[in-house]
Amino acid sequence: MKIARFAAVAAPLLMLAYGVIRLAGRMDGVYGPGLDWQAAHLANLAGLVLLVFLVLGIRRLLAPGVGRTAVVAVTLVGAATSIVQFVADIAWGLLAADKAGMSEFSRHFRALPGVDLAFYQVGPQLLYVGVIALTGMLAYRRLLPWWCVGVVVVSSLLPVVTLDLLPVAGAGYLVALLPLRQRLGTQAPALATQRA
């Protein structure tokens, strides 16, 4: 799956780009709305879309079963809710004249029943949980070194500490997922085992 191989590199690089553009945009004390806000959010949105293809590629490497289905589903739900959040942020950036206007749009959106919980509090966190679980499953099948799982865990926790660490988190994901790129270019071991 060529797009999955591409995503293993491009998705973390786009997250890194999001973090760098965000930091640069905040240097003048005014971040959003504007070109820096849109560029940062579009970069991460593209990374999230590519992550969906990466997850589907990883799915092919893992043996079929309830565990694989559940973890992939959780990860995709997390990706979908994160995508909705970023599309909304991009929309507020286009519609609002200033930061206060963006905050007002966001406040109204989040006030809708279930929106804050689904698209901000819980949903996006499922993406990180899913990615950690998937890398753990890959390491268990010896498709990734165990140290990659540790790097993914640390990289997932860094943005919780501060969003200013997003570039470091993106670099960590890149290092951890890079060994997976070659695996995604070969026939899925799970399928090969089934046919043997």
N, C-alpha and C. Protein backbone atom coordinates (compact mmCIF):
# COMPACT_ATOMS: atom_id res chain seq x y z
N MET A 1 0.84 -1.18 0.00
CA MET A 1 0.00 0.00 0.00
C MET A 1 0.88 1.24 0.00
N LYS A 2 1.06 1.83 -1.17
CA LYS A 2 2.01 2.93 -1.31
C LYS A 2 1.65 4.13 -0.46
N ILE A 3 0.36 4.45 -0.39
CA ILE A 3 -0.05 5.63 0.37
C ILE A 3 0.21 5.44 1.87
N ALA A 4 0.11 4.21 2.36
CA ALA A 4 0.40 3.93 3.76
C ALA A 4 1.89 4.13 4.04
N ARG A 5 2.73 3.68 3.12
CA ARG A 5 4.19 3.88 3.26
C ARG A 5 4.52 5.37 3.27
N PHE A 6 3.88 6.11 2.37
CA PHE A 6 4.08 7.56 2.32
C PHE A 6 3.61 8.21 3.61
N ALA A 7 2.46 7.75 4.12
CA ALA A 7 1.89 8.33 5.33
C ALA A 7 2.75 8.09 6.56
N ALA A 8 3.48 6.98 6.60
CA ALA A 8 4.34 6.68 7.75
C ALA A 8 5.39 7.76 7.96
N VAL A 9 5.77 8.43 6.87
CA VAL A 9 6.74 9.52 6.95
C VAL A 9 6.04 10.88 6.93
N ALA A 10 5.08 11.04 6.02
CA ALA A 10 4.46 12.34 5.82
C ALA A 10 3.58 12.77 6.99
N ALA A 11 2.83 11.84 7.59
CA ALA A 11 1.93 12.22 8.69
C ALA A 11 2.69 12.83 9.88
N PRO A 12 3.77 12.17 10.36
CA PRO A 12 4.52 12.81 11.46
C PRO A 12 5.22 14.10 11.04
N LEU A 13 5.68 14.17 9.79
CA LEU A 13 6.32 15.40 9.31
C LEU A 13 5.33 16.56 9.29
N LEU A 14 4.09 16.27 8.91
CA LEU A 14 3.05 17.31 8.89
C LEU A 14 2.69 17.75 10.31
N MET A 15 2.72 16.81 11.25
CA MET A 15 2.49 17.19 12.66
C MET A 15 3.63 18.08 13.15
N LEU A 16 4.85 17.72 12.78
CA LEU A 16 6.02 18.54 13.12
C LEU A 16 5.87 19.93 12.52
N ALA A 17 5.45 19.99 11.24
CA ALA A 17 5.25 21.28 10.57
C ALA A 17 4.19 22.11 11.28
N TYR A 18 3.11 21.46 11.70
CA TYR A 18 2.05 22.15 12.46
C TYR A 18 2.64 22.80 13.71
N GLY A 19 3.44 22.04 14.43
CA GLY A 19 4.03 22.57 15.65
C GLY A 19 4.97 23.73 15.40
N VAL A 20 5.78 23.63 14.35
CA VAL A 20 6.74 24.69 14.03
C VAL A 20 6.02 25.96 13.57
N ILE A 21 5.03 25.80 12.68
CA ILE A 21 4.28 26.97 12.19
C ILE A 21 3.53 27.62 13.34
N ARG A 22 2.96 26.80 14.22
CA ARG A 22 2.24 27.33 15.39
C ARG A 22 3.18 28.15 16.27
N LEU A 23 4.38 27.62 16.54
CA LEU A 23 5.34 28.35 17.36
C LEU A 23 5.75 29.66 16.70
N ALA A 24 6.00 29.61 15.40
CA ALA A 24 6.39 30.82 14.66
C ALA A 24 5.26 31.85 14.68
N GLY A 25 4.02 31.36 14.53
CA GLY A 25 2.88 32.26 14.52
C GLY A 25 2.64 32.93 15.86
N ARG A 26 3.01 32.27 16.94
CA ARG A 26 2.80 32.82 18.29
C ARG A 26 3.90 33.80 18.70
N MET A 27 4.96 33.89 17.91
CA MET A 27 6.09 34.75 18.29
C MET A 27 5.73 36.23 18.33
N ASP A 28 4.77 36.63 17.47
CA ASP A 28 4.38 38.04 17.47
C ASP A 28 3.23 38.32 18.44
N GLY A 29 2.82 37.28 19.17
CA GLY A 29 1.76 37.46 20.15
C GLY A 29 0.36 37.40 19.58
N VAL A 30 0.25 37.23 18.24
CA VAL A 30 -1.07 37.17 17.60
C VAL A 30 -1.11 35.91 16.73
N TYR A 31 -1.81 34.91 17.22
CA TYR A 31 -1.92 33.65 16.48
C TYR A 31 -3.39 33.35 16.24
N GLY A 32 -3.84 33.59 15.03
CA GLY A 32 -5.20 33.33 14.62
C GLY A 32 -6.12 34.52 14.85
N PRO A 33 -6.99 34.78 13.87
CA PRO A 33 -6.99 34.16 12.54
C PRO A 33 -5.89 34.77 11.67
N GLY A 34 -5.55 34.10 10.61
CA GLY A 34 -4.51 34.59 9.72
C GLY A 34 -3.84 33.45 8.99
N LEU A 35 -2.87 33.80 8.17
CA LEU A 35 -2.19 32.83 7.34
C LEU A 35 -1.48 31.77 8.17
N ASP A 36 -0.83 32.16 9.26
CA ASP A 36 -0.11 31.19 10.09
C ASP A 36 -1.08 30.18 10.72
N TRP A 37 -2.23 30.66 11.19
CA TRP A 37 -3.25 29.78 11.78
C TRP A 37 -3.72 28.76 10.74
N GLN A 38 -4.06 29.25 9.56
CA GLN A 38 -4.58 28.37 8.51
C GLN A 38 -3.52 27.38 8.05
N ALA A 39 -2.30 27.85 7.85
CA ALA A 39 -1.21 26.97 7.38
C ALA A 39 -0.94 25.86 8.40
N ALA A 40 -0.89 26.23 9.68
CA ALA A 40 -0.63 25.24 10.73
C ALA A 40 -1.74 24.20 10.78
N HIS A 41 -2.97 24.67 10.77
CA HIS A 41 -4.11 23.75 10.88
C HIS A 41 -4.29 22.89 9.62
N LEU A 42 -4.03 23.46 8.47
CA LEU A 42 -4.11 22.67 7.23
C LEU A 42 -3.04 21.59 7.20
N ALA A 43 -1.85 21.92 7.71
CA ALA A 43 -0.77 20.92 7.76
C ALA A 43 -1.18 19.75 8.63
N ASN A 44 -1.72 20.04 9.82
CA ASN A 44 -2.10 18.95 10.70
C ASN A 44 -3.32 18.19 10.18
N LEU A 45 -4.23 18.91 9.53
CA LEU A 45 -5.39 18.24 8.94
C LEU A 45 -4.95 17.24 7.88
N ALA A 46 -4.02 17.65 7.04
CA ALA A 46 -3.49 16.73 6.01
C ALA A 46 -2.81 15.53 6.67
N GLY A 47 -2.08 15.78 7.77
CA GLY A 47 -1.44 14.69 8.49
C GLY A 47 -2.45 13.71 9.08
N LEU A 48 -3.56 14.23 9.58
CA LEU A 48 -4.60 13.37 10.15
C LEU A 48 -5.25 12.50 9.08
N VAL A 49 -5.49 13.10 7.91
CA VAL A 49 -6.08 12.32 6.81
C VAL A 49 -5.12 11.21 6.39
N LEU A 50 -3.84 11.53 6.29
CA LEU A 50 -2.85 10.51 5.93
C LEU A 50 -2.75 9.43 7.01
N LEU A 51 -2.95 9.82 8.25
CA LEU A 51 -2.90 8.86 9.34
C LEU A 51 -3.97 7.78 9.20
N VAL A 52 -5.11 8.15 8.63
CA VAL A 52 -6.17 7.17 8.38
C VAL A 52 -5.64 6.07 7.45
N PHE A 53 -4.95 6.48 6.39
CA PHE A 53 -4.39 5.50 5.44
C PHE A 53 -3.30 4.66 6.10
N LEU A 54 -2.53 5.28 6.99
CA LEU A 54 -1.49 4.54 7.71
C LEU A 54 -2.12 3.48 8.61
N VAL A 55 -3.19 3.85 9.31
CA VAL A 55 -3.87 2.90 10.20
C VAL A 55 -4.43 1.73 9.38
N LEU A 56 -4.99 2.03 8.22
CA LEU A 56 -5.52 0.96 7.36
C LEU A 56 -4.40 0.06 6.85
N GLY A 57 -3.23 0.65 6.60
CA GLY A 57 -2.07 -0.14 6.19
C GLY A 57 -1.58 -1.03 7.32
N ILE A 58 -1.54 -0.49 8.54
CA ILE A 58 -1.13 -1.27 9.71
C ILE A 58 -2.10 -2.42 9.93
N ARG A 59 -3.39 -2.16 9.71
CA ARG A 59 -4.42 -3.19 9.87
C ARG A 59 -4.08 -4.43 9.05
N ARG A 60 -3.54 -4.23 7.85
CA ARG A 60 -3.21 -5.35 6.97
C ARG A 60 -2.03 -6.16 7.49
N LEU A 61 -1.21 -5.54 8.34
CA LEU A 61 -0.04 -6.23 8.88
C LEU A 61 -0.38 -7.10 10.09
N LEU A 62 -1.52 -6.83 10.70
CA LEU A 62 -1.89 -7.53 11.93
C LEU A 62 -2.85 -8.68 11.64
N ALA A 63 -2.76 -9.71 12.46
CA ALA A 63 -3.64 -10.87 12.30
C ALA A 63 -5.08 -10.47 12.57
N PRO A 64 -6.01 -10.97 11.75
CA PRO A 64 -7.43 -10.66 11.96
C PRO A 64 -7.91 -11.12 13.33
N GLY A 65 -8.84 -10.39 13.89
CA GLY A 65 -9.38 -10.76 15.19
C GLY A 65 -10.11 -9.59 15.82
N VAL A 66 -10.76 -9.87 16.94
CA VAL A 66 -11.54 -8.84 17.63
C VAL A 66 -10.64 -7.71 18.13
N GLY A 67 -9.45 -8.08 18.63
CA GLY A 67 -8.51 -7.07 19.13
C GLY A 67 -8.10 -6.09 18.05
N ARG A 68 -7.71 -6.62 16.89
CA ARG A 68 -7.31 -5.76 15.79
C ARG A 68 -8.46 -4.85 15.38
N THR A 69 -9.65 -5.42 15.23
CA THR A 69 -10.82 -4.65 14.80
C THR A 69 -11.14 -3.54 15.80
N ALA A 70 -11.09 -3.86 17.08
CA ALA A 70 -11.42 -2.88 18.12
C ALA A 70 -10.42 -1.73 18.14
N VAL A 71 -9.13 -2.07 18.10
CA VAL A 71 -8.09 -1.03 18.18
C VAL A 71 -8.12 -0.15 16.93
N VAL A 72 -8.28 -0.75 15.76
CA VAL A 72 -8.37 0.03 14.53
C VAL A 72 -9.59 0.95 14.57
N ALA A 73 -10.72 0.43 15.04
CA ALA A 73 -11.95 1.23 15.13
C ALA A 73 -11.77 2.41 16.07
N VAL A 74 -11.17 2.17 17.24
CA VAL A 74 -10.92 3.24 18.21
C VAL A 74 -10.01 4.31 17.61
N THR A 75 -8.96 3.87 16.92
CA THR A 75 -8.01 4.81 16.31
C THR A 75 -8.68 5.64 15.23
N LEU A 76 -9.51 5.01 14.41
CA LEU A 76 -10.19 5.74 13.33
C LEU A 76 -11.23 6.71 13.88
N VAL A 77 -11.91 6.33 14.96
CA VAL A 77 -12.84 7.25 15.60
C VAL A 77 -12.08 8.47 16.13
N GLY A 78 -10.92 8.21 16.74
CA GLY A 78 -10.08 9.31 17.22
C GLY A 78 -9.63 10.21 16.10
N ALA A 79 -9.24 9.62 14.97
CA ALA A 79 -8.82 10.41 13.81
C ALA A 79 -9.98 11.24 13.26
N ALA A 80 -11.15 10.63 13.17
CA ALA A 80 -12.33 11.31 12.63
C ALA A 80 -12.72 12.50 13.50
N THR A 81 -12.72 12.32 14.82
CA THR A 81 -13.09 13.43 15.70
C THR A 81 -12.03 14.54 15.66
N SER A 82 -10.77 14.16 15.52
CA SER A 82 -9.71 15.16 15.41
C SER A 82 -9.85 15.94 14.10
N ILE A 83 -10.22 15.24 13.03
CA ILE A 83 -10.41 15.91 11.74
C ILE A 83 -11.56 16.92 11.84
N VAL A 84 -12.66 16.53 12.49
CA VAL A 84 -13.79 17.45 12.67
C VAL A 84 -13.33 18.69 13.45
N GLN A 85 -12.54 18.47 14.50
CA GLN A 85 -12.06 19.58 15.32
C GLN A 85 -11.22 20.56 14.49
N PHE A 86 -10.34 20.01 13.65
CA PHE A 86 -9.46 20.88 12.86
C PHE A 86 -10.21 21.57 11.73
N VAL A 87 -11.18 20.89 11.13
CA VAL A 87 -12.01 21.53 10.10
C VAL A 87 -12.77 22.70 10.72
N ALA A 88 -13.30 22.49 11.93
CA ALA A 88 -14.02 23.57 12.63
C ALA A 88 -13.08 24.74 12.92
N ASP A 89 -11.87 24.45 13.39
CA ASP A 89 -10.91 25.52 13.70
C ASP A 89 -10.54 26.31 12.44
N ILE A 90 -10.39 25.60 11.33
CA ILE A 90 -10.08 26.28 10.06
C ILE A 90 -11.25 27.17 9.64
N ALA A 91 -12.47 26.64 9.81
CA ALA A 91 -13.66 27.43 9.46
C ALA A 91 -13.77 28.68 10.31
N TRP A 92 -13.53 28.55 11.63
CA TRP A 92 -13.60 29.74 12.50
C TRP A 92 -12.53 30.74 12.09
N GLY A 93 -11.37 30.26 11.68
CA GLY A 93 -10.31 31.16 11.24
C GLY A 93 -10.67 31.92 9.99
N LEU A 94 -11.46 31.31 9.12
CA LEU A 94 -11.90 31.97 7.89
C LEU A 94 -13.05 32.95 8.14
N LEU A 95 -13.93 32.59 9.07
CA LEU A 95 -15.14 33.39 9.29
C LEU A 95 -14.93 34.56 10.25
N ALA A 96 -14.01 34.40 11.18
CA ALA A 96 -13.83 35.42 12.22
C ALA A 96 -12.89 36.53 11.79
N ALA A 97 -13.15 37.71 12.33
CA ALA A 97 -12.29 38.86 12.02
C ALA A 97 -11.10 38.94 12.98
N ASP A 98 -11.24 38.35 14.15
CA ASP A 98 -10.17 38.41 15.14
C ASP A 98 -10.24 37.21 16.08
N LYS A 99 -9.32 37.16 17.02
CA LYS A 99 -9.24 36.04 17.97
C LYS A 99 -10.53 35.92 18.80
N ALA A 100 -11.07 37.05 19.18
CA ALA A 100 -12.31 37.04 19.97
C ALA A 100 -13.46 36.43 19.17
N GLY A 101 -13.51 36.75 17.89
CA GLY A 101 -14.55 36.19 17.02
C GLY A 101 -14.40 34.69 16.87
N MET A 102 -13.16 34.24 16.74
CA MET A 102 -12.90 32.80 16.65
C MET A 102 -13.36 32.09 17.93
N SER A 103 -13.04 32.69 19.07
CA SER A 103 -13.43 32.11 20.34
C SER A 103 -14.94 32.03 20.47
N GLU A 104 -15.64 33.03 19.94
CA GLU A 104 -17.10 33.05 20.01
C GLU A 104 -17.70 31.94 19.15
N PHE A 105 -17.18 31.78 17.93
CA PHE A 105 -17.64 30.69 17.06
C PHE A 105 -17.40 29.34 17.73
N SER A 106 -16.21 29.19 18.28
CA SER A 106 -15.84 27.94 18.94
C SER A 106 -16.74 27.66 20.14
N ARG A 107 -17.03 28.71 20.91
CA ARG A 107 -17.87 28.55 22.09
C ARG A 107 -19.27 28.06 21.72
N HIS A 108 -19.84 28.65 20.66
CA HIS A 108 -21.18 28.24 20.21
C HIS A 108 -21.17 26.79 19.72
N PHE A 109 -20.11 26.43 18.99
CA PHE A 109 -20.00 25.06 18.47
C PHE A 109 -19.89 24.05 19.60
N ARG A 110 -19.03 24.36 20.56
CA ARG A 110 -18.81 23.44 21.67
C ARG A 110 -20.00 23.37 22.63
N ALA A 111 -20.87 24.38 22.55
CA ALA A 111 -22.06 24.39 23.41
C ALA A 111 -23.15 23.44 22.88
N LEU A 112 -23.02 23.01 21.63
CA LEU A 112 -23.99 22.06 21.08
C LEU A 112 -23.90 20.75 21.86
N PRO A 113 -25.05 20.11 22.10
CA PRO A 113 -25.05 18.87 22.91
C PRO A 113 -24.10 17.80 22.38
N GLY A 114 -23.20 17.35 23.22
CA GLY A 114 -22.29 16.27 22.89
C GLY A 114 -21.04 16.66 22.12
N VAL A 115 -21.00 17.88 21.58
CA VAL A 115 -19.88 18.29 20.73
C VAL A 115 -18.58 18.38 21.52
N ASP A 116 -18.62 19.06 22.66
CA ASP A 116 -17.40 19.24 23.45
C ASP A 116 -16.83 17.89 23.89
N LEU A 117 -17.71 17.02 24.35
CA LEU A 117 -17.28 15.70 24.81
C LEU A 117 -16.72 14.86 23.67
N ALA A 118 -17.45 14.82 22.54
CA ALA A 118 -17.07 13.94 21.43
C ALA A 118 -15.86 14.45 20.66
N PHE A 119 -15.82 15.74 20.36
CA PHE A 119 -14.80 16.26 19.44
C PHE A 119 -13.64 16.99 20.11
N TYR A 120 -13.71 17.16 21.44
CA TYR A 120 -12.63 17.87 22.13
C TYR A 120 -12.10 17.09 23.34
N GLN A 121 -13.00 16.61 24.20
CA GLN A 121 -12.56 15.99 25.44
C GLN A 121 -12.16 14.53 25.30
N VAL A 122 -12.96 13.74 24.59
CA VAL A 122 -12.75 12.29 24.53
C VAL A 122 -12.25 11.81 23.17
N GLY A 123 -12.99 12.17 22.12
CA GLY A 123 -12.69 11.65 20.79
C GLY A 123 -11.24 11.73 20.35
N PRO A 124 -10.65 12.93 20.34
CA PRO A 124 -9.25 13.04 19.87
C PRO A 124 -8.26 12.24 20.71
N GLN A 125 -8.56 12.04 22.00
CA GLN A 125 -7.65 11.27 22.85
C GLN A 125 -7.60 9.80 22.41
N LEU A 126 -8.70 9.34 21.82
CA LEU A 126 -8.75 7.95 21.35
C LEU A 126 -7.71 7.70 20.25
N LEU A 127 -7.39 8.74 19.50
CA LEU A 127 -6.38 8.61 18.45
C LEU A 127 -5.03 8.22 19.05
N TYR A 128 -4.64 8.90 20.13
CA TYR A 128 -3.36 8.61 20.77
C TYR A 128 -3.36 7.22 21.41
N VAL A 129 -4.47 6.89 22.07
CA VAL A 129 -4.60 5.57 22.68
C VAL A 129 -4.48 4.49 21.61
N GLY A 130 -5.16 4.71 20.49
CA GLY A 130 -5.14 3.73 19.39
C GLY A 130 -3.77 3.57 18.77
N VAL A 131 -3.07 4.68 18.55
CA VAL A 131 -1.73 4.62 17.93
C VAL A 131 -0.76 3.89 18.86
N ILE A 132 -0.86 4.16 20.16
CA ILE A 132 0.00 3.45 21.12
C ILE A 132 -0.30 1.95 21.09
N ALA A 133 -1.59 1.61 21.09
CA ALA A 133 -1.98 0.19 21.07
C ALA A 133 -1.54 -0.49 19.78
N LEU A 134 -1.68 0.19 18.65
CA LEU A 134 -1.28 -0.40 17.37
C LEU A 134 0.23 -0.64 17.32
N THR A 135 1.01 0.32 17.81
CA THR A 135 2.47 0.10 17.80
C THR A 135 2.85 -1.02 18.76
N GLY A 136 2.11 -1.14 19.86
CA GLY A 136 2.34 -2.26 20.77
C GLY A 136 2.04 -3.59 20.11
N MET A 137 0.96 -3.66 19.34
CA MET A 137 0.60 -4.89 18.63
C MET A 137 1.63 -5.23 17.55
N LEU A 138 2.14 -4.19 16.89
CA LEU A 138 3.18 -4.41 15.87
C LEU A 138 4.47 -4.91 16.51
N ALA A 139 4.82 -4.34 17.66
CA ALA A 139 6.03 -4.79 18.36
C ALA A 139 5.87 -6.22 18.85
N TYR A 140 4.68 -6.57 19.31
CA TYR A 140 4.42 -7.93 19.78
C TYR A 140 4.60 -8.94 18.65
N ARG A 141 4.24 -8.55 17.43
CA ARG A 141 4.42 -9.41 16.26
C ARG A 141 5.82 -9.28 15.64
N ARG A 142 6.67 -8.51 16.31
CA ARG A 142 8.06 -8.28 15.87
C ARG A 142 8.13 -7.57 14.52
N LEU A 143 7.16 -6.73 14.28
CA LEU A 143 7.15 -5.91 13.07
C LEU A 143 7.72 -4.53 13.34
N LEU A 144 7.89 -4.21 14.61
CA LEU A 144 8.53 -2.98 15.06
C LEU A 144 9.36 -3.29 16.29
N PRO A 145 10.50 -2.63 16.48
CA PRO A 145 11.25 -2.81 17.73
C PRO A 145 10.44 -2.25 18.91
N TRP A 146 10.64 -2.82 20.09
CA TRP A 146 9.90 -2.37 21.27
C TRP A 146 10.19 -0.92 21.63
N TRP A 147 11.40 -0.45 21.31
CA TRP A 147 11.73 0.94 21.66
C TRP A 147 10.80 1.92 20.94
N CYS A 148 10.26 1.50 19.77
CA CYS A 148 9.35 2.37 19.02
C CYS A 148 8.08 2.65 19.84
N VAL A 149 7.64 1.65 20.58
CA VAL A 149 6.44 1.83 21.42
C VAL A 149 6.72 2.89 22.49
N GLY A 150 7.89 2.80 23.11
CA GLY A 150 8.26 3.80 24.12
C GLY A 150 8.30 5.20 23.55
N VAL A 151 8.86 5.34 22.35
CA VAL A 151 8.94 6.65 21.71
C VAL A 151 7.55 7.19 21.39
N VAL A 152 6.66 6.31 20.93
CA VAL A 152 5.28 6.72 20.62
C VAL A 152 4.55 7.15 21.89
N VAL A 153 4.75 6.42 22.98
CA VAL A 153 4.11 6.79 24.25
C VAL A 153 4.57 8.18 24.69
N VAL A 154 5.89 8.39 24.69
CA VAL A 154 6.43 9.69 25.11
C VAL A 154 5.94 10.80 24.18
N SER A 155 5.97 10.53 22.87
CA SER A 155 5.53 11.54 21.89
C SER A 155 4.05 11.87 22.05
N SER A 156 3.26 10.90 22.45
CA SER A 156 1.83 11.13 22.65
C SER A 156 1.56 11.97 23.90
N LEU A 157 2.44 11.85 24.89
CA LEU A 157 2.26 12.58 26.15
C LEU A 157 2.79 14.01 26.09
N LEU A 158 3.75 14.28 25.22
CA LEU A 158 4.37 15.60 25.17
C LEU A 158 3.37 16.74 24.94
N PRO A 159 2.43 16.63 23.98
CA PRO A 159 1.48 17.72 23.78
C PRO A 159 0.55 17.94 24.97
N VAL A 160 0.38 16.92 25.81
CA VAL A 160 -0.43 17.08 27.02
C VAL A 160 0.28 18.03 27.99
N VAL A 161 1.60 17.97 28.02
CA VAL A 161 2.39 18.85 28.88
C VAL A 161 2.26 20.29 28.37
N THR A 162 2.53 20.49 27.08
CA THR A 162 2.37 21.79 26.43
C THR A 162 2.36 21.58 24.92
N LEU A 163 1.50 22.32 24.24
CA LEU A 163 1.42 22.21 22.78
C LEU A 163 2.70 22.72 22.11
N ASP A 164 3.52 23.45 22.85
CA ASP A 164 4.79 23.93 22.30
C ASP A 164 5.75 22.78 22.00
N LEU A 165 5.46 21.59 22.55
CA LEU A 165 6.30 20.42 22.30
C LEU A 165 5.83 19.61 21.09
N LEU A 166 4.85 20.12 20.35
CA LEU A 166 4.36 19.41 19.17
C LEU A 166 5.45 19.07 18.15
N PRO A 167 6.40 19.98 17.87
CA PRO A 167 7.46 19.60 16.93
C PRO A 167 8.29 18.41 17.41
N VAL A 168 8.55 18.36 18.72
CA VAL A 168 9.31 17.23 19.28
C VAL A 168 8.49 15.95 19.16
N ALA A 169 7.19 16.06 19.44
CA ALA A 169 6.30 14.90 19.32
C ALA A 169 6.26 14.39 17.88
N GLY A 170 6.16 15.32 16.93
CA GLY A 170 6.16 14.93 15.51
C GLY A 170 7.45 14.23 15.11
N ALA A 171 8.57 14.75 15.59
CA ALA A 171 9.87 14.11 15.31
C ALA A 171 9.93 12.73 15.93
N GLY A 172 9.37 12.59 17.14
CA GLY A 172 9.36 11.29 17.80
C GLY A 172 8.55 10.27 17.03
N TYR A 173 7.36 10.67 16.57
CA TYR A 173 6.54 9.77 15.76
C TYR A 173 7.27 9.35 14.48
N LEU A 174 7.97 10.30 13.88
CA LEU A 174 8.71 10.01 12.65
C LEU A 174 9.76 8.94 12.90
N VAL A 175 10.53 9.11 13.96
CA VAL A 175 11.58 8.14 14.31
C VAL A 175 10.97 6.77 14.60
N ALA A 176 9.84 6.76 15.32
CA ALA A 176 9.22 5.50 15.72
C ALA A 176 8.55 4.77 14.56
N LEU A 177 7.99 5.53 13.62
CA LEU A 177 7.24 4.92 12.52
C LEU A 177 8.09 4.63 11.29
N LEU A 178 9.27 5.21 11.23
CA LEU A 178 10.13 5.02 10.06
C LEU A 178 10.45 3.54 9.79
N PRO A 179 10.74 2.72 10.83
CA PRO A 179 11.00 1.30 10.55
C PRO A 179 9.80 0.56 9.95
N LEU A 180 8.61 1.15 10.12
CA LEU A 180 7.39 0.51 9.62
C LEU A 180 7.24 0.68 8.11
N ARG A 181 7.91 1.68 7.57
CA ARG A 181 7.75 2.01 6.16
C ARG A 181 8.06 0.82 5.26
N GLN A 182 9.15 0.11 5.54
CA GLN A 182 9.51 -1.04 4.72
C GLN A 182 8.50 -2.17 4.87
N ARG A 183 8.00 -2.38 6.09
CA ARG A 183 7.01 -3.43 6.33
C ARG A 183 5.74 -3.19 5.52
N LEU A 184 5.36 -1.93 5.38
CA LEU A 184 4.14 -1.60 4.66
C LEU A 184 4.28 -1.84 3.16
N GLY A 185 5.51 -2.00 2.70
CA GLY A 185 5.74 -2.25 1.27
C GLY A 185 5.75 -3.72 0.92
N THR A 186 5.64 -4.59 1.92
CA THR A 186 5.67 -6.04 1.67
C THR A 186 4.30 -6.63 1.94
N GLN A 187 4.12 -7.87 1.55
CA GLN A 187 2.86 -8.54 1.81
C GLN A 187 2.64 -8.67 3.31
N ALA A 188 1.41 -8.45 3.75
CA ALA A 188 1.10 -8.51 5.17
C ALA A 188 1.41 -9.90 5.72
N PRO A 189 2.26 -9.99 6.77
CA PRO A 189 2.59 -11.28 7.36
C PRO A 189 1.35 -12.04 7.82
N ALA A 190 0.34 -11.29 8.32
CA ALA A 190 -0.88 -11.95 8.80
C ALA A 190 -1.56 -12.72 7.69
N LEU A 191 -1.58 -12.12 6.48
CA LEU A 191 -2.22 -12.78 5.35
C LEU A 191 -1.37 -13.94 4.85
N ALA A 192 -0.06 -13.72 4.87
CA ALA A 192 0.83 -14.78 4.40
C ALA A 192 0.73 -16.00 5.30
N THR A 193 0.60 -15.78 6.62
CA THR A 193 0.47 -16.89 7.58
C THR A 193 -0.82 -17.66 7.34
N GLN A 194 -1.88 -16.91 7.03
CA GLN A 194 -3.16 -17.57 6.80
C GLN A 194 -3.13 -18.51 5.60
N ARG A 195 -2.37 -18.13 4.58
CA ARG A 195 -2.35 -18.94 3.36
C ARG A 195 -1.42 -20.13 3.46
N ALA A 196 -0.50 -20.09 4.43
CA ALA A 196 0.48 -21.16 4.56
C ALA A 196 -0.16 -22.45 5.07
